[in-house]
PDB file of N, CA and C in Angstrom:
ATOM      1  N   MET A   1      67.183  16.062 -17.971  1.00  0.00           N
ATOM      2  CA  MET A   1      67.929  16.740 -16.943  1.00  0.00           C
ATOM      3  C   MET A   1      69.415  16.532 -17.226  1.00  0.00           C
ATOM      4  N   ASN A   2      70.141  17.593 -17.236  1.00  0.00           N
ATOM      5  CA  ASN A   2      71.586  17.513 -17.449  1.00  0.00           C
ATOM      6  C   ASN A   2      72.293  17.329 -16.114  1.00  0.00           C
ATOM      7  N   ARG A   3      73.171  16.362 -16.052  1.00  0.00           N
ATOM      8  CA  ARG A   3      73.938  16.080 -14.843  1.00  0.00           C
ATOM      9  C   ARG A   3      75.374  16.538 -15.046  1.00  0.00           C
ATOM     10  N   ARG A   4      76.063  16.727 -13.937  1.00  0.00           N
ATOM     11  CA  ARG A   4      77.451  17.184 -13.997  1.00  0.00           C
ATOM     12  C   ARG A   4      78.422  16.157 -13.436  1.00  0.00           C
ATOM     13  N   SER A   5      77.915  14.996 -13.063  1.00  0.00           N
ATOM     14  CA  SER A   5      78.771  13.949 -12.499  1.00  0.00           C
ATOM     15  C   SER A   5      79.363  13.115 -13.619  1.00  0.00           C
ATOM     16  N   TYR A   6      80.668  13.166 -13.751  1.00  0.00           N
ATOM     17  CA  TYR A   6      81.343  12.392 -14.788  1.00  0.00           C
ATOM     18  C   TYR A   6      81.638  10.983 -14.287  1.00  0.00           C
ATOM     19  N   ILE A   7      81.497  10.020 -15.182  1.00  0.00           N
ATOM     20  CA  ILE A   7      81.821   8.635 -14.861  1.00  0.00           C
ATOM     21  C   ILE A   7      82.777   8.093 -15.913  1.00  0.00           C
ATOM     22  N   ASN A   8      83.266   6.899 -15.678  1.00  0.00           N
ATOM     23  CA  ASN A   8      84.209   6.254 -16.599  1.00  0.00           C
ATOM     24  C   ASN A   8      85.440   7.117 -16.845  1.00  0.00           C
ATOM     25  N   GLY A   9      86.006   7.641 -15.787  1.00  0.00           N
ATOM     26  CA  GLY A   9      87.230   8.424 -15.933  1.00  0.00           C
ATOM     27  C   GLY A   9      87.014   9.781 -16.573  1.00  0.00           C
ATOM     28  N   GLY A  10      85.792  10.309 -16.521  1.00  0.00           N
ATOM     29  CA  GLY A  10      85.511  11.620 -17.070  1.00  0.00           C
ATOM     30  C   GLY A  10      85.173  11.632 -18.538  1.00  0.00           C
ATOM     31  N   GLU A  11      84.915  10.456 -19.109  1.00  0.00           N
ATOM     32  CA  GLU A  11      84.611  10.383 -20.536  1.00  0.00           C
ATOM     33  C   GLU A  11      83.200  10.855 -20.875  1.00  0.00           C
ATOM     34  N   ARG A  12      82.282  10.663 -19.935  1.00  0.00           N
ATOM     35  CA  ARG A  12      80.905  11.075 -20.211  1.00  0.00           C
ATOM     36  C   ARG A  12      80.200  11.420 -18.908  1.00  0.00           C
ATOM     37  N   VAL A  13      79.047  12.074 -19.023  1.00  0.00           N
ATOM     38  CA  VAL A  13      78.267  12.493 -17.864  1.00  0.00           C
ATOM     39  C   VAL A  13      77.257  11.405 -17.521  1.00  0.00           C
ATOM     40  N   GLU A  14      77.080  11.166 -16.235  1.00  0.00           N
ATOM     41  CA  GLU A  14      76.112  10.196 -15.738  1.00  0.00           C
ATOM     42  C   GLU A  14      74.703  10.651 -16.105  1.00  0.00           C
ATOM     43  N   ASN A  15      73.852   9.730 -16.593  1.00  0.00           N
ATOM     44  CA  ASN A  15      72.469  10.103 -16.888  1.00  0.00           C
ATOM     45  C   ASN A  15      71.596   9.888 -15.648  1.00  0.00           C
ATOM     46  N   SER A  16      70.336  10.298 -15.711  1.00  0.00           N
ATOM     47  CA  SER A  16      69.446  10.236 -14.547  1.00  0.00           C
ATOM     48  C   SER A  16      69.201   8.811 -14.070  1.00  0.00           C
ATOM     49  N   ALA A  17      69.051   7.875 -14.998  1.00  0.00           N
ATOM     50  CA  ALA A  17      68.821   6.478 -14.614  1.00  0.00           C
ATOM     51  C   ALA A  17      70.039   5.913 -13.883  1.00  0.00           C
ATOM     52  N   GLU A  18      71.224   6.210 -14.391  1.00  0.00           N
ATOM     53  CA  GLU A  18      72.448   5.736 -13.739  1.00  0.00           C
ATOM     54  C   GLU A  18      72.600   6.362 -12.356  1.00  0.00           C
ATOM     55  N   HIS A  19      72.261   7.625 -12.247  1.00  0.00           N
ATOM     56  CA  HIS A  19      72.350   8.315 -10.965  1.00  0.00           C
ATOM     57  C   HIS A  19      71.451   7.638  -9.934  1.00  0.00           C
ATOM     58  N   SER A  20      70.201   7.373 -10.304  1.00  0.00           N
ATOM     59  CA  SER A  20      69.263   6.724  -9.385  1.00  0.00           C
ATOM     60  C   SER A  20      69.735   5.323  -9.018  1.00  0.00           C
ATOM     61  N   TRP A  21      70.224   4.583  -9.994  1.00  0.00           N
ATOM     62  CA  TRP A  21      70.719   3.226  -9.753  1.00  0.00           C
ATOM     63  C   TRP A  21      71.916   3.243  -8.799  1.00  0.00           C
ATOM     64  N   HIS A  22      72.876   4.124  -9.047  1.00  0.00           N
ATOM     65  CA  HIS A  22      74.059   4.199  -8.189  1.00  0.00           C
ATOM     66  C   HIS A  22      73.682   4.600  -6.763  1.00  0.00           C
ATOM     67  N   LEU A  23      72.756   5.530  -6.623  1.00  0.00           N
ATOM     68  CA  LEU A  23      72.312   5.942  -5.294  1.00  0.00           C
ATOM     69  C   LEU A  23      71.626   4.791  -4.572  1.00  0.00           C
ATOM     70  N   ALA A  24      70.758   4.054  -5.269  1.00  0.00           N
ATOM     71  CA  ALA A  24      70.066   2.914  -4.660  1.00  0.00           C
ATOM     72  C   ALA A  24      71.059   1.846  -4.209  1.00  0.00           C
ATOM     73  N   MET A  25      72.058   1.562  -5.030  1.00  0.00           N
ATOM     74  CA  MET A  25      73.061   0.555  -4.674  1.00  0.00           C
ATOM     75  C   MET A  25      73.912   1.016  -3.485  1.00  0.00           C
ATOM     76  N   ALA A  26      74.213   2.311  -3.426  1.00  0.00           N
ATOM     77  CA  ALA A  26      74.972   2.848  -2.298  1.00  0.00           C
ATOM     78  C   ALA A  26      74.157   2.746  -1.011  1.00  0.00           C
ATOM     79  N   CYS A  27      72.866   3.065  -1.081  1.00  0.00           N
ATOM     80  CA  CYS A  27      71.990   2.952   0.092  1.00  0.00           C
ATOM     81  C   CYS A  27      71.937   1.514   0.586  1.00  0.00           C
ATOM     82  N   TRP A  28      71.797   0.586  -0.337  1.00  0.00           N
ATOM     83  CA  TRP A  28      71.747  -0.832   0.013  1.00  0.00           C
ATOM     84  C   TRP A  28      73.048  -1.261   0.703  1.00  0.00           C
ATOM     85  N   ALA A  29      74.167  -0.887   0.120  1.00  0.00           N
ATOM     86  CA  ALA A  29      75.460  -1.270   0.690  1.00  0.00           C
ATOM     87  C   ALA A  29      75.653  -0.677   2.083  1.00  0.00           C
ATOM     88  N   PHE A  30      75.358   0.602   2.248  1.00  0.00           N
ATOM     89  CA  PHE A  30      75.526   1.238   3.551  1.00  0.00           C
ATOM     90  C   PHE A  30      74.589   0.643   4.590  1.00  0.00           C
ATOM     91  N   ALA A  31      73.355   0.317   4.191  1.00  0.00           N
ATOM     92  CA  ALA A  31      72.402  -0.287   5.121  1.00  0.00           C
ATOM     93  C   ALA A  31      72.887  -1.661   5.576  1.00  0.00           C
ATOM     94  N   GLU A  32      73.453  -2.431   4.656  1.00  0.00           N
ATOM     95  CA  GLU A  32      73.970  -3.761   4.999  1.00  0.00           C
ATOM     96  C   GLU A  32      75.166  -3.670   5.950  1.00  0.00           C
ATOM     97  N   LEU A  33      75.983  -2.653   5.791  1.00  0.00           N
ATOM     98  CA  LEU A  33      77.187  -2.500   6.608  1.00  0.00           C
ATOM     99  C   LEU A  33      76.926  -1.800   7.940  1.00  0.00           C
ATOM    100  N   SER A  34      75.782  -1.143   8.057  1.00  0.00           N
ATOM    101  CA  SER A  34      75.470  -0.363   9.244  1.00  0.00           C
ATOM    102  C   SER A  34      75.049  -1.254  10.413  1.00  0.00           C
ATOM    103  N   GLN A  35      75.264  -0.747  11.603  1.00  0.00           N
ATOM    104  CA  GLN A  35      74.798  -1.429  12.811  1.00  0.00           C
ATOM    105  C   GLN A  35      73.326  -1.123  13.086  1.00  0.00           C
ATOM    106  N   GLU A  36      72.786  -0.124  12.403  1.00  0.00           N
ATOM    107  CA  GLU A  36      71.386   0.265  12.570  1.00  0.00           C
ATOM    108  C   GLU A  36      70.480  -0.696  11.807  1.00  0.00           C
ATOM    109  N   ASP A  37      69.216  -0.741  12.199  1.00  0.00           N
ATOM    110  CA  ASP A  37      68.237  -1.612  11.543  1.00  0.00           C
ATOM    111  C   ASP A  37      67.421  -0.780  10.549  1.00  0.00           C
ATOM    112  N   TYR A  38      67.912  -0.678   9.316  1.00  0.00           N
ATOM    113  CA  TYR A  38      67.236   0.097   8.286  1.00  0.00           C
ATOM    114  C   TYR A  38      66.315  -0.791   7.464  1.00  0.00           C
ATOM    115  N   ASP A  39      65.225  -0.218   6.985  1.00  0.00           N
ATOM    116  CA  ASP A  39      64.319  -0.904   6.059  1.00  0.00           C
ATOM    117  C   ASP A  39      64.911  -0.732   4.659  1.00  0.00           C
ATOM    118  N   ILE A  40      65.648  -1.737   4.201  1.00  0.00           N
ATOM    119  CA  ILE A  40      66.371  -1.637   2.933  1.00  0.00           C
ATOM    120  C   ILE A  40      65.416  -1.425   1.768  1.00  0.00           C
ATOM    121  N   SER A  41      64.279  -2.085   1.798  1.00  0.00           N
ATOM    122  CA  SER A  41      63.295  -1.926   0.724  1.00  0.00           C
ATOM    123  C   SER A  41      62.847  -0.470   0.612  1.00  0.00           C
ATOM    124  N   LYS A  42      62.591   0.147   1.749  1.00  0.00           N
ATOM    125  CA  LYS A  42      62.165   1.549   1.746  1.00  0.00           C
ATOM    126  C   LYS A  42      63.297   2.465   1.268  1.00  0.00           C
ATOM    127  N   LEU A  43      64.518   2.199   1.708  1.00  0.00           N
ATOM    128  CA  LEU A  43      65.660   3.005   1.272  1.00  0.00           C
ATOM    129  C   LEU A  43      65.832   2.962  -0.240  1.00  0.00           C
ATOM    130  N   ILE A  44      65.740   1.760  -0.806  1.00  0.00           N
ATOM    131  CA  ILE A  44      65.920   1.617  -2.250  1.00  0.00           C
ATOM    132  C   ILE A  44      64.794   2.310  -3.004  1.00  0.00           C
ATOM    133  N   LYS A  45      63.565   2.166  -2.525  1.00  0.00           N
ATOM    134  CA  LYS A  45      62.431   2.838  -3.177  1.00  0.00           C
ATOM    135  C   LYS A  45      62.611   4.356  -3.152  1.00  0.00           C
ATOM    136  N   LEU A  46      63.010   4.889  -2.006  1.00  0.00           N
ATOM    137  CA  LEU A  46      63.221   6.339  -1.904  1.00  0.00           C
ATOM    138  C   LEU A  46      64.356   6.799  -2.814  1.00  0.00           C
ATOM    139  N   ALA A  47      65.414   6.011  -2.884  1.00  0.00           N
ATOM    140  CA  ALA A  47      66.545   6.368  -3.748  1.00  0.00           C
ATOM    141  C   ALA A  47      66.134   6.370  -5.214  1.00  0.00           C
ATOM    142  N   LEU A  48      65.358   5.373  -5.626  1.00  0.00           N
ATOM    143  CA  LEU A  48      64.940   5.306  -7.027  1.00  0.00           C
ATOM    144  C   LEU A  48      63.951   6.412  -7.378  1.00  0.00           C
ATOM    145  N   LEU A  49      63.132   6.823  -6.414  1.00  0.00           N
ATOM    146  CA  LEU A  49      62.195   7.926  -6.658  1.00  0.00           C
ATOM    147  C   LEU A  49      62.877   9.284  -6.591  1.00  0.00           C
ATOM    148  N   HIS A  50      64.010   9.335  -5.939  1.00  0.00           N
ATOM    149  CA  HIS A  50      64.771  10.569  -5.779  1.00  0.00           C
ATOM    150  C   HIS A  50      65.071  11.154  -7.145  1.00  0.00           C
TER     151      HIS A  50
END
């Protein structure tokens, strides 16, 4: 799958594994900072399967 998201200052395009990893880490961070009670394990699993 070809992605269009550039990383490292636009030097290269993000690959699918990096995309899933970055999304999972963002979900984890937002869940930790949120006042809501999210199931972090479920969020990360859904992000990685995304």
